[in-house]
N, C-alpha and C. Protein backbone atom coordinates (compact mmCIF):
# COMPACT_ATOMS: atom_id res chain seq x y z
N MET A 1 15.17 30.26 20.08
CA MET A 1 16.33 30.60 20.90
C MET A 1 16.98 31.89 20.39
N GLU A 2 17.36 32.72 21.29
CA GLU A 2 17.99 33.99 20.92
C GLU A 2 19.41 33.72 20.42
N THR A 3 19.73 34.23 19.26
CA THR A 3 21.08 34.01 18.75
C THR A 3 21.97 35.18 19.16
N SER A 4 23.21 34.85 19.39
CA SER A 4 24.14 35.90 19.80
C SER A 4 24.51 36.77 18.60
N MET A 5 24.91 37.97 18.89
CA MET A 5 25.30 38.89 17.83
C MET A 5 26.58 38.39 17.17
N ASP A 6 26.65 38.56 15.88
CA ASP A 6 27.81 38.14 15.12
C ASP A 6 29.08 38.78 15.70
N ILE A 7 30.09 37.95 15.91
CA ILE A 7 31.34 38.40 16.54
C ILE A 7 32.01 39.52 15.74
N ASN A 8 31.89 39.46 14.41
CA ASN A 8 32.50 40.50 13.58
C ASN A 8 31.72 41.81 13.65
N LYS A 9 30.40 41.71 13.81
CA LYS A 9 29.58 42.92 13.97
C LYS A 9 29.96 43.66 15.25
N ILE A 10 30.17 42.90 16.31
CA ILE A 10 30.57 43.49 17.60
C ILE A 10 31.91 44.22 17.43
N GLN A 11 32.83 43.58 16.72
CA GLN A 11 34.14 44.20 16.50
C GLN A 11 33.99 45.49 15.69
N GLU A 12 33.13 45.46 14.67
CA GLU A 12 32.89 46.66 13.86
C GLU A 12 32.32 47.79 14.72
N GLU A 13 31.42 47.43 15.63
CA GLU A 13 30.83 48.41 16.56
C GLU A 13 31.92 49.08 17.39
N ILE A 14 32.81 48.27 17.93
CA ILE A 14 33.89 48.78 18.77
C ILE A 14 34.78 49.72 17.97
N ILE A 15 35.11 49.33 16.73
CA ILE A 15 35.95 50.16 15.87
C ILE A 15 35.30 51.52 15.67
N SER A 16 34.00 51.53 15.36
CA SER A 16 33.36 52.84 15.13
C SER A 16 33.25 53.65 16.42
N GLU A 17 33.10 52.99 17.56
CA GLU A 17 33.09 53.73 18.83
C GLU A 17 34.42 54.42 19.07
N PHE A 18 35.50 53.70 18.81
CA PHE A 18 36.83 54.27 19.04
C PHE A 18 37.17 55.36 18.03
N GLU A 19 36.56 55.31 16.86
CA GLU A 19 36.79 56.35 15.84
C GLU A 19 36.23 57.70 16.26
N MET A 20 35.32 57.69 17.23
CA MET A 20 34.71 58.95 17.70
C MET A 20 35.70 59.81 18.49
N PHE A 21 36.77 59.17 18.98
CA PHE A 21 37.73 59.90 19.81
C PHE A 21 38.93 60.34 18.99
N ASP A 22 39.38 61.56 19.26
CA ASP A 22 40.48 62.13 18.49
C ASP A 22 41.85 61.65 18.95
N ASP A 23 42.02 61.50 20.25
CA ASP A 23 43.35 61.12 20.72
C ASP A 23 43.28 59.96 21.71
N TRP A 24 44.47 59.44 22.03
CA TRP A 24 44.50 58.26 22.88
C TRP A 24 44.16 58.54 24.33
N MET A 25 44.30 59.77 24.79
CA MET A 25 43.88 60.06 26.16
C MET A 25 42.38 59.82 26.29
N GLU A 26 41.63 60.28 25.29
CA GLU A 26 40.17 60.06 25.30
C GLU A 26 39.84 58.57 25.17
N LYS A 27 40.62 57.87 24.37
CA LYS A 27 40.39 56.43 24.20
C LYS A 27 40.67 55.68 25.49
N TYR A 28 41.73 56.09 26.21
CA TYR A 28 42.01 55.47 27.51
C TYR A 28 40.87 55.71 28.49
N GLU A 29 40.36 56.92 28.48
CA GLU A 29 39.23 57.24 29.37
C GLU A 29 38.03 56.37 29.03
N TYR A 30 37.81 56.17 27.73
CA TYR A 30 36.71 55.32 27.29
C TYR A 30 36.94 53.87 27.74
N LEU A 31 38.18 53.41 27.61
CA LEU A 31 38.53 52.06 28.07
C LEU A 31 38.21 51.90 29.56
N ILE A 32 38.57 52.91 30.34
CA ILE A 32 38.32 52.88 31.79
C ILE A 32 36.81 52.81 32.05
N GLU A 33 36.04 53.59 31.27
CA GLU A 33 34.57 53.55 31.38
C GLU A 33 34.05 52.14 31.08
N LEU A 34 34.59 51.54 30.02
CA LEU A 34 34.15 50.20 29.63
C LEU A 34 34.41 49.17 30.73
N GLY A 35 35.49 49.39 31.46
CA GLY A 35 35.83 48.49 32.56
C GLY A 35 34.77 48.47 33.65
N LYS A 36 34.00 49.55 33.73
CA LYS A 36 32.94 49.62 34.75
C LYS A 36 31.76 48.72 34.41
N ASP A 37 31.65 48.33 33.13
CA ASP A 37 30.56 47.43 32.70
C ASP A 37 30.98 45.96 32.69
N LEU A 38 32.17 45.71 33.15
CA LEU A 38 32.71 44.35 33.14
C LEU A 38 31.85 43.40 33.96
N PRO A 39 31.50 42.22 33.39
CA PRO A 39 30.82 41.22 34.22
C PRO A 39 31.84 40.72 35.26
N ILE A 40 31.67 41.15 36.49
CA ILE A 40 32.68 40.89 37.53
C ILE A 40 32.63 39.44 38.01
N ILE A 41 33.80 38.85 38.08
CA ILE A 41 33.97 37.48 38.56
C ILE A 41 33.63 37.44 40.06
N ALA A 42 33.00 36.37 40.48
CA ALA A 42 32.67 36.21 41.90
C ALA A 42 33.96 36.15 42.73
N GLU A 43 33.93 36.75 43.91
CA GLU A 43 35.11 36.84 44.77
C GLU A 43 35.75 35.47 45.01
N GLU A 44 34.92 34.44 45.23
CA GLU A 44 35.48 33.10 45.52
C GLU A 44 36.13 32.45 44.31
N LEU A 45 35.91 33.02 43.12
CA LEU A 45 36.53 32.48 41.91
C LEU A 45 37.87 33.16 41.59
N LYS A 46 38.26 34.12 42.42
CA LYS A 46 39.55 34.79 42.21
C LYS A 46 40.67 33.91 42.77
N THR A 47 40.92 32.83 42.05
CA THR A 47 41.91 31.85 42.48
C THR A 47 43.13 31.89 41.55
N GLU A 48 44.22 31.32 42.02
CA GLU A 48 45.47 31.31 41.26
C GLU A 48 45.28 30.74 39.84
N ASP A 49 44.50 29.66 39.73
CA ASP A 49 44.34 29.02 38.42
C ASP A 49 43.55 29.88 37.43
N ARG A 50 42.88 30.91 37.93
CA ARG A 50 42.14 31.80 37.04
C ARG A 50 42.90 33.08 36.72
N LEU A 51 44.09 33.23 37.29
CA LEU A 51 44.92 34.39 36.98
C LEU A 51 45.50 34.23 35.58
N ILE A 52 45.50 35.30 34.81
CA ILE A 52 46.05 35.22 33.45
C ILE A 52 47.54 35.53 33.50
N GLU A 53 48.32 34.63 32.92
CA GLU A 53 49.77 34.81 32.91
C GLU A 53 50.16 35.86 31.88
N GLY A 54 51.25 36.54 32.14
CA GLY A 54 51.75 37.52 31.19
C GLY A 54 51.24 38.93 31.46
N CYS A 55 50.32 39.06 32.41
CA CYS A 55 49.78 40.38 32.72
C CYS A 55 50.56 40.99 33.87
N GLN A 56 50.87 42.27 33.71
CA GLN A 56 51.58 43.01 34.74
C GLN A 56 50.67 43.14 35.97
N SER A 57 49.43 43.48 35.72
CA SER A 57 48.47 43.56 36.82
C SER A 57 47.79 42.21 36.97
N ARG A 58 47.08 42.05 38.06
CA ARG A 58 46.40 40.77 38.29
C ARG A 58 45.06 40.79 37.55
N VAL A 59 44.84 39.77 36.74
CA VAL A 59 43.59 39.63 35.99
C VAL A 59 43.08 38.21 36.18
N TRP A 60 41.86 38.12 36.70
CA TRP A 60 41.23 36.82 36.88
C TRP A 60 40.18 36.66 35.79
N LEU A 61 40.12 35.47 35.22
CA LEU A 61 39.13 35.20 34.19
C LEU A 61 38.42 33.89 34.51
N ASN A 62 37.10 33.92 34.47
CA ASN A 62 36.33 32.70 34.62
C ASN A 62 35.57 32.48 33.32
N ALA A 63 35.59 31.24 32.86
CA ALA A 63 34.90 30.91 31.62
C ALA A 63 34.07 29.65 31.83
N VAL A 64 32.81 29.72 31.44
CA VAL A 64 31.94 28.54 31.50
C VAL A 64 31.16 28.42 30.20
N LEU A 65 30.82 27.20 29.88
CA LEU A 65 30.02 26.94 28.69
C LEU A 65 28.57 26.79 29.14
N ILE A 66 27.70 27.67 28.62
CA ILE A 66 26.28 27.61 28.97
C ILE A 66 25.48 27.53 27.67
N ASP A 67 24.72 26.46 27.54
CA ASP A 67 23.90 26.25 26.34
C ASP A 67 24.71 26.41 25.05
N GLY A 68 25.90 25.86 25.05
CA GLY A 68 26.73 25.86 23.85
C GLY A 68 27.46 27.17 23.57
N GLU A 69 27.33 28.14 24.50
CA GLU A 69 28.02 29.42 24.32
C GLU A 69 28.91 29.72 25.52
N MET A 70 30.00 30.42 25.24
CA MET A 70 30.93 30.78 26.32
C MET A 70 30.40 31.97 27.10
N SER A 71 30.56 31.89 28.40
CA SER A 71 30.19 33.00 29.27
C SER A 71 31.41 33.35 30.11
N PHE A 72 31.85 34.59 30.00
CA PHE A 72 33.06 35.03 30.69
C PHE A 72 32.74 36.05 31.77
N SER A 73 33.51 35.99 32.85
CA SER A 73 33.51 37.05 33.84
C SER A 73 34.97 37.25 34.24
N ALA A 74 35.29 38.45 34.70
CA ALA A 74 36.69 38.75 35.00
C ALA A 74 36.77 39.90 35.99
N ASP A 75 37.99 40.15 36.45
CA ASP A 75 38.27 41.33 37.25
C ASP A 75 39.77 41.59 37.18
N SER A 76 40.14 42.81 37.49
CA SER A 76 41.55 43.18 37.51
C SER A 76 41.75 44.24 38.56
N ASP A 77 42.99 44.33 39.04
CA ASP A 77 43.29 45.37 40.03
C ASP A 77 43.76 46.66 39.35
N ALA A 78 43.73 46.69 38.01
CA ALA A 78 44.14 47.90 37.28
C ALA A 78 42.99 48.36 36.38
N ILE A 79 42.70 49.65 36.40
CA ILE A 79 41.51 50.14 35.69
C ILE A 79 41.61 50.02 34.17
N ILE A 80 42.79 50.27 33.61
CA ILE A 80 42.93 50.14 32.15
C ILE A 80 42.76 48.67 31.76
N THR A 81 43.37 47.79 32.53
CA THR A 81 43.29 46.36 32.26
C THR A 81 41.85 45.88 32.35
N LYS A 82 41.11 46.40 33.29
CA LYS A 82 39.68 46.08 33.41
C LYS A 82 38.95 46.42 32.12
N GLY A 83 39.29 47.57 31.56
CA GLY A 83 38.69 48.01 30.30
C GLY A 83 39.06 47.10 29.15
N ILE A 84 40.32 46.67 29.12
CA ILE A 84 40.78 45.80 28.03
C ILE A 84 40.07 44.45 28.10
N ILE A 85 40.05 43.84 29.28
CA ILE A 85 39.39 42.53 29.40
C ILE A 85 37.88 42.70 29.16
N GLY A 86 37.34 43.85 29.56
CA GLY A 86 35.92 44.13 29.31
C GLY A 86 35.61 44.17 27.82
N LEU A 87 36.52 44.75 27.05
CA LEU A 87 36.38 44.83 25.60
C LEU A 87 36.42 43.43 24.99
N LEU A 88 37.37 42.63 25.45
CA LEU A 88 37.50 41.26 24.94
C LEU A 88 36.26 40.43 25.28
N ILE A 89 35.76 40.61 26.50
CA ILE A 89 34.56 39.87 26.90
C ILE A 89 33.38 40.30 26.06
N ARG A 90 33.28 41.60 25.80
CA ARG A 90 32.18 42.09 24.97
C ARG A 90 32.16 41.39 23.61
N VAL A 91 33.33 41.16 23.05
CA VAL A 91 33.42 40.51 21.75
C VAL A 91 33.15 39.00 21.84
N MET A 92 33.69 38.36 22.88
CA MET A 92 33.65 36.88 22.92
C MET A 92 32.54 36.28 23.78
N ASN A 93 31.90 37.11 24.61
CA ASN A 93 30.85 36.58 25.47
C ASN A 93 29.66 36.10 24.64
N HIS A 94 29.07 35.00 25.05
CA HIS A 94 27.88 34.44 24.41
C HIS A 94 28.13 34.06 22.94
N GLN A 95 29.36 33.67 22.66
CA GLN A 95 29.70 33.15 21.33
C GLN A 95 29.98 31.65 21.47
N LYS A 96 29.81 30.93 20.38
CA LYS A 96 30.12 29.50 20.39
C LYS A 96 31.64 29.34 20.47
N PRO A 97 32.11 28.34 21.23
CA PRO A 97 33.55 28.16 21.41
C PRO A 97 34.33 28.05 20.09
N GLU A 98 33.73 27.36 19.10
CA GLU A 98 34.46 27.20 17.83
C GLU A 98 34.64 28.53 17.11
N ILE A 99 33.70 29.46 17.30
CA ILE A 99 33.82 30.79 16.69
C ILE A 99 34.94 31.57 17.39
N ILE A 100 34.98 31.48 18.71
CA ILE A 100 36.03 32.17 19.48
C ILE A 100 37.40 31.62 19.11
N ALA A 101 37.50 30.30 19.05
CA ALA A 101 38.78 29.64 18.78
C ALA A 101 39.34 30.01 17.41
N SER A 102 38.46 30.20 16.43
CA SER A 102 38.94 30.42 15.07
C SER A 102 38.89 31.88 14.62
N ASN A 103 38.31 32.76 15.43
CA ASN A 103 38.12 34.13 14.97
C ASN A 103 39.37 34.98 15.11
N ASP A 104 39.56 35.83 14.11
CA ASP A 104 40.65 36.80 14.14
C ASP A 104 40.10 38.06 14.79
N LEU A 105 40.68 38.47 15.89
CA LEU A 105 40.20 39.66 16.59
C LEU A 105 40.80 40.90 15.93
N PHE A 106 40.26 41.25 14.77
CA PHE A 106 40.81 42.34 13.97
C PHE A 106 40.62 43.71 14.60
N PHE A 107 39.66 43.85 15.52
CA PHE A 107 39.41 45.17 16.12
C PHE A 107 40.62 45.69 16.90
N ILE A 108 41.41 44.79 17.47
CA ILE A 108 42.57 45.19 18.27
C ILE A 108 43.53 46.00 17.41
N LYS A 109 43.81 45.50 16.21
CA LYS A 109 44.71 46.21 15.28
C LYS A 109 44.02 47.47 14.74
N GLU A 110 42.75 47.34 14.39
CA GLU A 110 42.02 48.47 13.79
C GLU A 110 41.95 49.69 14.71
N ILE A 111 41.75 49.47 16.00
CA ILE A 111 41.67 50.64 16.90
C ILE A 111 43.06 51.06 17.39
N GLY A 112 44.09 50.28 17.03
CA GLY A 112 45.46 50.62 17.42
C GLY A 112 45.75 50.36 18.88
N LEU A 113 44.99 49.44 19.46
CA LEU A 113 45.11 49.18 20.90
C LEU A 113 46.51 48.72 21.29
N GLN A 114 46.99 47.68 20.61
CA GLN A 114 48.26 47.08 21.01
C GLN A 114 49.41 48.08 20.93
N GLU A 115 49.45 48.88 19.87
CA GLU A 115 50.57 49.81 19.73
C GLU A 115 50.51 50.99 20.70
N HIS A 116 49.34 51.21 21.34
CA HIS A 116 49.23 52.30 22.30
C HIS A 116 49.30 51.82 23.75
N LEU A 117 49.64 50.57 23.92
CA LEU A 117 49.81 50.04 25.27
C LEU A 117 51.30 49.92 25.57
N SER A 118 51.65 49.98 26.83
CA SER A 118 53.04 49.75 27.21
C SER A 118 53.37 48.30 26.86
N PRO A 119 54.66 47.97 26.66
CA PRO A 119 55.01 46.58 26.29
C PRO A 119 54.43 45.54 27.25
N SER A 120 54.43 45.85 28.56
CA SER A 120 53.91 44.86 29.51
C SER A 120 52.40 44.71 29.38
N ARG A 121 51.69 45.83 29.13
CA ARG A 121 50.23 45.74 28.93
C ARG A 121 49.92 45.03 27.63
N SER A 122 50.74 45.28 26.62
CA SER A 122 50.57 44.64 25.33
C SER A 122 50.72 43.12 25.47
N ASN A 123 51.72 42.69 26.26
CA ASN A 123 51.89 41.25 26.54
C ASN A 123 50.68 40.72 27.28
N GLY A 124 50.15 41.54 28.19
CA GLY A 124 48.97 41.15 28.94
C GLY A 124 47.77 40.95 28.03
N LEU A 125 47.62 41.84 27.06
CA LEU A 125 46.53 41.74 26.08
C LEU A 125 46.63 40.41 25.33
N VAL A 126 47.83 40.10 24.86
CA VAL A 126 48.06 38.84 24.15
C VAL A 126 47.72 37.67 25.06
N GLY A 127 48.13 37.77 26.33
CA GLY A 127 47.84 36.72 27.31
C GLY A 127 46.35 36.53 27.52
N MET A 128 45.60 37.64 27.57
CA MET A 128 44.15 37.57 27.78
C MET A 128 43.47 36.89 26.59
N VAL A 129 43.84 37.31 25.39
CA VAL A 129 43.25 36.73 24.18
C VAL A 129 43.55 35.23 24.13
N LYS A 130 44.81 34.89 24.39
CA LYS A 130 45.24 33.49 24.35
C LYS A 130 44.45 32.65 25.35
N ARG A 131 44.29 33.19 26.57
CA ARG A 131 43.58 32.46 27.62
C ARG A 131 42.11 32.25 27.25
N MET A 132 41.47 33.29 26.70
CA MET A 132 40.06 33.17 26.34
C MET A 132 39.86 32.16 25.22
N LYS A 133 40.76 32.17 24.25
CA LYS A 133 40.68 31.20 23.16
C LYS A 133 40.94 29.78 23.69
N LEU A 134 41.90 29.66 24.61
CA LEU A 134 42.22 28.37 25.22
C LEU A 134 41.01 27.82 25.98
N GLU A 135 40.33 28.69 26.74
CA GLU A 135 39.13 28.27 27.48
C GLU A 135 38.05 27.77 26.50
N ALA A 136 37.92 28.45 25.37
CA ALA A 136 36.94 28.04 24.36
C ALA A 136 37.31 26.67 23.79
N ILE A 137 38.59 26.47 23.51
CA ILE A 137 39.06 25.19 22.96
C ILE A 137 38.84 24.08 23.98
N LYS A 138 39.16 24.37 25.26
CA LYS A 138 38.96 23.37 26.33
C LYS A 138 37.50 22.96 26.40
N SER A 139 36.59 23.92 26.26
CA SER A 139 35.18 23.59 26.36
C SER A 139 34.72 22.78 25.14
N LEU A 140 35.37 22.99 24.00
CA LEU A 140 35.05 22.18 22.80
C LEU A 140 35.41 20.72 23.04
N ASN A 141 36.53 20.52 23.72
CA ASN A 141 36.99 19.17 24.00
C ASN A 141 36.11 18.45 25.02
N LYS A 142 35.34 19.20 25.77
CA LYS A 142 34.45 18.59 26.79
C LYS A 142 33.13 18.14 26.19
N LYS A 143 32.82 18.65 24.99
CA LYS A 143 31.51 18.36 24.37
C LYS A 143 31.33 16.87 24.14
């Protein structure tokens, strides 16, 4: 069976990618690019119960457990937010729920993401992380 990449290795990768950019305008552009690779949630799954609370823009997240690993898809009506959720999915997709639930997402602080977001986007980021961890915990309880 193919094992998923270590969650901390993925975070290290993201940190070094962001280190290539000199300023936050370039980092925002990169975030927007990342949003284009987002595993897009199916249209019929864009329901109220999948909306993430605390986000200024609308963000839908779908989470399913497949072969013991979490699989996420999402969408947002804001391009920066798409990039942020895309980054989070990149880190947490195809990871075991217990790893997601207990992992410290250190890359957020390392790349300075939270401090370079507006307060409402920053709250949204916290909401996205919380929701993804909650989905992982919920799937653990179903086992």
